[in-house]
Amino acid sequence: MNAKGRLIFPLDVPDAEQARKYVRLLNNQVGVFKVGLELFVSEGPSIVDAIGNLTDAGIFLDLKFHDIPATVQRAIRSASCLQKVSFITVHCDPVLLEAVVTEVAEHIKILAVTVLTSLDSKALLSLGIREELAAEPIQLVLQRASIARQAGCAGIVCSGREATAVKKKFGEDLVIVTPGIRPDWGDVKRDDQARVVTPYLAVKNGADYIVVGRPIRTADDPVKAAARVVEEIEKGLQDRFI
């Protein structure tokens, strides 16, 4: 897989018109387009086909399913009918994951969400996470990555700060998708991300895909910004685990 193929661009926009605009603009710069809650709730499942008709890039359905197993099983069954979806996210719960991996279509990979990149140690403590796990989120990520592998997931979502430890422990058994990417050259104002890294460092640390939204979307020239991210991905691959 080339460097461009590892770049995921989130279509965090309110409607199909804006989504199509970014797909047309970034089609030659991006390997996967991500559909999240905002766009999916606004437009429904038809947005997947609308995007797929404009690009050969993969589509990542990032809905972070989290409910009782029977409910999520049925949702995954419905999502499996979307032929152009490559990835779907589910929160890391052992019973839930084991239930859904048996329902997913062959063309879709289940990614277990470990610890959201908006959460730091203080936030994890406030959620009732044990102190020894909250103090070092990497331990919590490794614990949940182990759950994901045992359940049969294709990969996980974690920050670039934990990618090296996950790759060293699980090797190529788990695909790592990393959000919370903030390039040094980006002009993103203070936001809700807590555990962030640059594109270069995320890939160097072991991320297989990186999700880069605001640094590209808010740039004066999104195409050039995406190209700069791909350059960092290429350098990260060259220096991986050094």
Protein backbone atom coordinates (compact mmCIF):
# COMPACT_ATOMS: atom_id res chain seq x y z
CA MET A 1 0.00 0.00 0.00
CA ASN A 2 1.41 3.39 -1.00
CA ALA A 3 1.53 6.46 1.24
CA LYS A 4 -1.58 8.01 -0.29
CA GLY A 5 -3.55 4.86 0.42
CA ARG A 6 -2.85 5.30 4.13
CA LEU A 7 -4.44 8.75 4.36
CA ILE A 8 -8.04 8.85 5.59
CA PHE A 9 -9.94 12.10 5.16
CA PRO A 10 -13.06 12.53 7.34
CA LEU A 11 -16.04 14.05 5.59
CA ASP A 12 -17.10 15.95 8.71
CA VAL A 13 -19.60 18.11 6.89
CA PRO A 14 -23.36 18.55 7.31
CA ASP A 15 -24.66 17.49 3.91
CA ALA A 16 -24.06 15.54 0.73
CA GLU A 17 -23.27 18.62 -1.36
CA GLN A 18 -20.27 19.52 0.78
CA ALA A 19 -19.20 15.89 1.00
CA ARG A 20 -19.17 15.59 -2.79
CA LYS A 21 -17.16 18.79 -3.02
CA TYR A 22 -14.36 17.40 -0.85
CA VAL A 23 -14.40 14.00 -2.56
CA ARG A 24 -13.94 15.65 -5.96
CA LEU A 25 -11.28 18.00 -4.58
CA LEU A 26 -9.20 15.38 -2.75
CA ASN A 27 -9.87 12.26 -4.81
CA ASN A 28 -6.28 12.09 -6.08
CA GLN A 29 -4.74 12.83 -2.66
CA VAL A 30 -6.61 10.48 -0.32
CA GLY A 31 -6.85 6.70 0.06
CA VAL A 32 -10.01 6.49 2.17
CA PHE A 33 -12.92 8.83 2.85
CA LYS A 34 -14.52 8.61 6.28
CA VAL A 35 -18.24 9.04 6.91
CA GLY A 36 -18.99 9.91 10.52
CA LEU A 37 -22.07 10.54 12.60
CA GLU A 38 -22.81 14.07 11.38
CA LEU A 39 -22.97 13.20 7.69
CA PHE A 40 -24.56 9.76 8.12
CA VAL A 41 -27.36 11.08 10.34
CA SER A 42 -27.96 13.94 7.92
CA GLU A 43 -27.99 11.93 4.70
CA GLY A 44 -28.52 8.28 5.65
CA PRO A 45 -26.97 5.19 4.02
CA SER A 46 -27.39 6.62 0.51
CA ILE A 47 -24.40 8.89 1.15
CA VAL A 48 -22.12 5.85 0.91
CA ASP A 49 -23.20 5.14 -2.68
CA ALA A 50 -23.09 8.85 -3.52
CA ILE A 51 -19.43 8.97 -2.45
CA GLY A 52 -18.61 5.62 -4.01
CA ASN A 53 -19.88 6.81 -7.37
CA LEU A 54 -17.31 9.61 -7.33
CA THR A 55 -14.19 7.77 -6.27
CA ASP A 56 -12.35 4.46 -6.18
CA ALA A 57 -11.03 5.29 -2.70
CA GLY A 58 -12.17 3.20 0.25
CA ILE A 59 -15.03 4.29 2.50
CA PHE A 60 -14.76 4.15 6.28
CA LEU A 61 -18.10 4.09 8.12
CA ASP A 62 -17.11 5.57 11.48
CA LEU A 63 -20.26 5.26 13.58
CA LYS A 64 -18.60 3.80 16.69
CA PHE A 65 -21.42 1.39 17.43
CA HIS A 66 -22.01 0.81 21.13
CA ASP A 67 -25.19 -0.88 22.34
CA ILE A 68 -26.38 -4.31 23.42
CA PRO A 69 -24.97 -7.05 21.15
CA ALA A 70 -28.27 -7.93 19.45
CA THR A 71 -28.88 -4.32 18.44
CA VAL A 72 -25.39 -3.82 17.03
CA GLN A 73 -25.51 -7.19 15.29
CA ARG A 74 -28.54 -6.05 13.33
CA ALA A 75 -26.93 -2.69 12.55
CA ILE A 76 -23.79 -4.41 11.27
CA ARG A 77 -25.94 -6.74 9.19
CA SER A 78 -27.58 -3.72 7.57
CA ALA A 79 -24.26 -1.94 7.07
CA SER A 80 -22.84 -5.04 5.38
CA CYS A 81 -25.24 -4.39 2.50
CA LEU A 82 -23.24 -1.24 1.70
CA GLN A 83 -20.85 -2.76 -0.82
CA LYS A 84 -18.40 0.15 -0.90
CA VAL A 85 -17.68 0.27 2.84
CA SER A 86 -14.22 -0.98 3.83
CA PHE A 87 -14.15 -0.27 7.59
CA ILE A 88 -16.70 0.01 10.42
CA THR A 89 -15.94 1.04 14.00
CA VAL A 90 -17.36 -0.61 17.13
CA HIS A 91 -16.52 0.29 20.73
CA CYS A 92 -14.30 -2.21 22.51
CA ASP A 93 -16.51 -4.54 24.53
CA PRO A 94 -15.59 -8.25 24.40
CA VAL A 95 -19.13 -9.65 24.20
CA LEU A 96 -20.16 -6.98 21.70
CA LEU A 97 -17.16 -7.52 19.43
CA GLU A 98 -17.53 -11.30 19.41
CA ALA A 99 -21.17 -10.88 18.43
CA VAL A 100 -20.56 -8.51 15.52
CA VAL A 101 -17.51 -10.07 13.85
CA THR A 102 -19.67 -13.04 12.89
CA GLU A 103 -22.17 -10.76 11.16
CA VAL A 104 -19.92 -8.56 9.09
CA ALA A 105 -19.54 -9.10 5.34
CA GLU A 106 -16.18 -10.25 3.96
CA HIS A 107 -15.44 -6.90 2.32
CA ILE A 108 -15.69 -5.00 5.63
CA LYS A 109 -13.10 -4.85 8.41
CA ILE A 110 -14.24 -4.27 12.00
CA LEU A 111 -12.10 -1.77 13.92
CA ALA A 112 -12.38 -1.71 17.70
CA VAL A 113 -12.25 1.75 19.26
CA THR A 114 -9.84 1.53 22.21
CA VAL A 115 -9.52 4.96 23.89
CA LEU A 116 -10.82 8.10 22.17
CA THR A 117 -8.05 10.58 21.36
CA SER A 118 -10.07 13.31 23.09
CA LEU A 119 -9.50 11.57 26.46
CA ASP A 120 -6.48 12.21 28.67
CA SER A 121 -5.59 10.69 32.05
CA LYS A 122 -7.77 13.11 33.98
CA ALA A 123 -10.79 12.35 31.82
CA LEU A 124 -10.25 8.60 32.12
CA LEU A 125 -10.14 8.88 35.91
CA SER A 126 -13.41 10.83 35.88
CA LEU A 127 -14.98 7.97 33.90
CA GLY A 128 -14.09 5.48 36.63
CA ILE A 129 -11.13 3.84 34.89
CA ARG A 130 -8.73 2.26 37.39
CA GLU A 131 -5.94 4.64 38.37
CA GLU A 132 -3.12 2.42 37.10
CA LEU A 133 -4.77 2.28 33.66
CA ALA A 134 -5.88 5.91 33.54
CA ALA A 135 -2.44 7.24 34.51
CA GLU A 136 -0.89 5.48 31.50
CA PRO A 137 -3.53 5.26 28.73
CA ILE A 138 -1.16 3.00 26.80
CA GLN A 139 -1.93 0.19 29.26
CA LEU A 140 -5.65 0.58 28.71
CA VAL A 141 -5.15 0.63 24.93
CA LEU A 142 -3.08 -2.57 25.07
CA GLN A 143 -5.71 -4.26 27.21
CA ARG A 144 -8.46 -3.35 24.75
CA ALA A 145 -6.32 -4.23 21.73
CA SER A 146 -5.95 -7.70 23.21
CA ILE A 147 -9.73 -7.93 23.53
CA ALA A 148 -10.10 -6.87 19.89
CA ARG A 149 -7.66 -9.47 18.63
CA GLN A 150 -9.24 -12.26 20.66
CA ALA A 151 -12.66 -11.30 19.29
CA GLY A 152 -11.38 -11.53 15.72
CA CYS A 153 -11.35 -7.83 14.79
CA ALA A 154 -9.24 -6.75 11.84
CA GLY A 155 -7.81 -3.78 13.71
CA ILE A 156 -8.15 -1.04 16.27
CA VAL A 157 -8.35 2.72 16.55
CA CYS A 158 -5.79 4.28 18.89
CA SER A 159 -3.64 7.38 19.14
CA GLY A 160 -0.16 7.60 17.64
CA ARG A 161 1.28 7.65 21.15
CA GLU A 162 0.26 4.03 21.65
CA ALA A 163 0.89 2.70 18.14
CA THR A 164 4.44 1.44 18.76
CA ALA A 165 3.45 -0.59 21.81
CA VAL A 166 0.48 -2.11 19.98
CA LYS A 167 2.60 -3.01 16.93
CA LYS A 168 5.34 -4.53 19.06
CA LYS A 169 2.86 -6.67 20.98
CA PHE A 170 0.56 -7.75 18.16
CA GLY A 171 2.64 -7.26 15.02
CA GLU A 172 0.58 -7.35 11.84
CA ASP A 173 -2.31 -9.14 13.57
CA LEU A 174 -4.06 -5.80 14.01
CA VAL A 175 -4.42 -2.90 11.60
CA ILE A 176 -3.87 0.40 13.44
CA VAL A 177 -5.93 3.43 12.47
CA THR A 178 -4.86 6.65 14.16
CA PRO A 179 -6.88 9.86 14.52
CA GLY A 180 -5.79 12.89 16.55
CA ILE A 181 -3.27 13.98 13.91
CA ARG A 182 -1.92 17.52 14.10
CA PRO A 183 0.95 18.50 11.75
CA ASP A 184 3.50 20.99 13.10
CA TRP A 185 2.70 23.21 10.13
CA GLY A 186 -1.07 23.09 10.60
CA ASP A 187 -3.14 26.06 11.71
CA VAL A 188 -5.78 24.27 13.79
CA LYS A 189 -6.85 26.28 16.78
CA ARG A 190 -7.33 24.75 20.22
CA ASP A 191 -9.75 21.83 19.84
CA ASP A 192 -11.07 18.73 21.57
CA GLN A 193 -8.14 16.44 20.79
CA ALA A 194 -5.90 15.54 23.74
CA ARG A 195 -3.46 12.78 22.70
CA VAL A 196 -2.13 14.10 19.39
CA VAL A 197 0.91 13.42 17.18
CA THR A 198 2.14 14.55 13.78
CA PRO A 199 1.50 12.48 10.64
CA TYR A 200 5.18 11.56 10.47
CA LEU A 201 5.35 10.39 14.08
CA ALA A 202 2.10 8.40 13.90
CA VAL A 203 3.33 6.39 10.91
CA LYS A 204 6.85 6.07 12.27
CA ASN A 205 5.35 4.67 15.47
CA GLY A 206 3.40 2.01 13.58
CA ALA A 207 0.07 3.45 12.43
CA ASP A 208 -1.14 1.78 9.22
CA TYR A 209 -3.67 4.53 8.44
CA ILE A 210 -3.98 8.07 9.77
CA VAL A 211 -7.12 10.19 9.92
CA VAL A 212 -6.45 13.83 9.09
CA GLY A 213 -9.38 16.21 8.92
CA ARG A 214 -9.16 19.76 10.22
CA PRO A 215 -5.51 20.39 9.21
CA ILE A 216 -6.51 19.66 5.59
CA ARG A 217 -10.07 21.00 5.58
CA THR A 218 -9.18 24.37 7.16
CA ALA A 219 -6.03 24.92 5.09
CA ASP A 220 -5.94 27.70 2.51
CA ASP A 221 -5.19 25.00 -0.07
CA PRO A 222 -6.56 21.59 1.06
CA VAL A 223 -4.94 19.78 -1.88
CA LYS A 224 -1.48 21.04 -0.98
CA ALA A 225 -2.10 20.28 2.69
CA ALA A 226 -3.07 16.70 1.86
CA ALA A 227 0.05 16.36 -0.30
CA ARG A 228 2.19 17.52 2.64
CA VAL A 229 0.57 14.89 4.86
CA VAL A 230 1.35 12.20 2.28
CA GLU A 231 4.98 13.37 2.25
CA GLU A 232 5.10 12.94 6.03
CA ILE A 233 3.57 9.47 5.69
CA GLU A 234 6.30 8.51 3.20
CA LYS A 235 9.02 9.74 5.57
CA GLY A 236 7.39 7.94 8.50
CA LEU A 237 7.39 4.68 6.55
CA GLN A 238 11.09 5.09 5.78
CA ASP A 239 11.94 5.70 9.45
CA ARG A 240 9.46 3.21 10.91
CA PHE A 241 10.47 1.89 14.36
CA ILE A 242 13.92 3.52 14.15
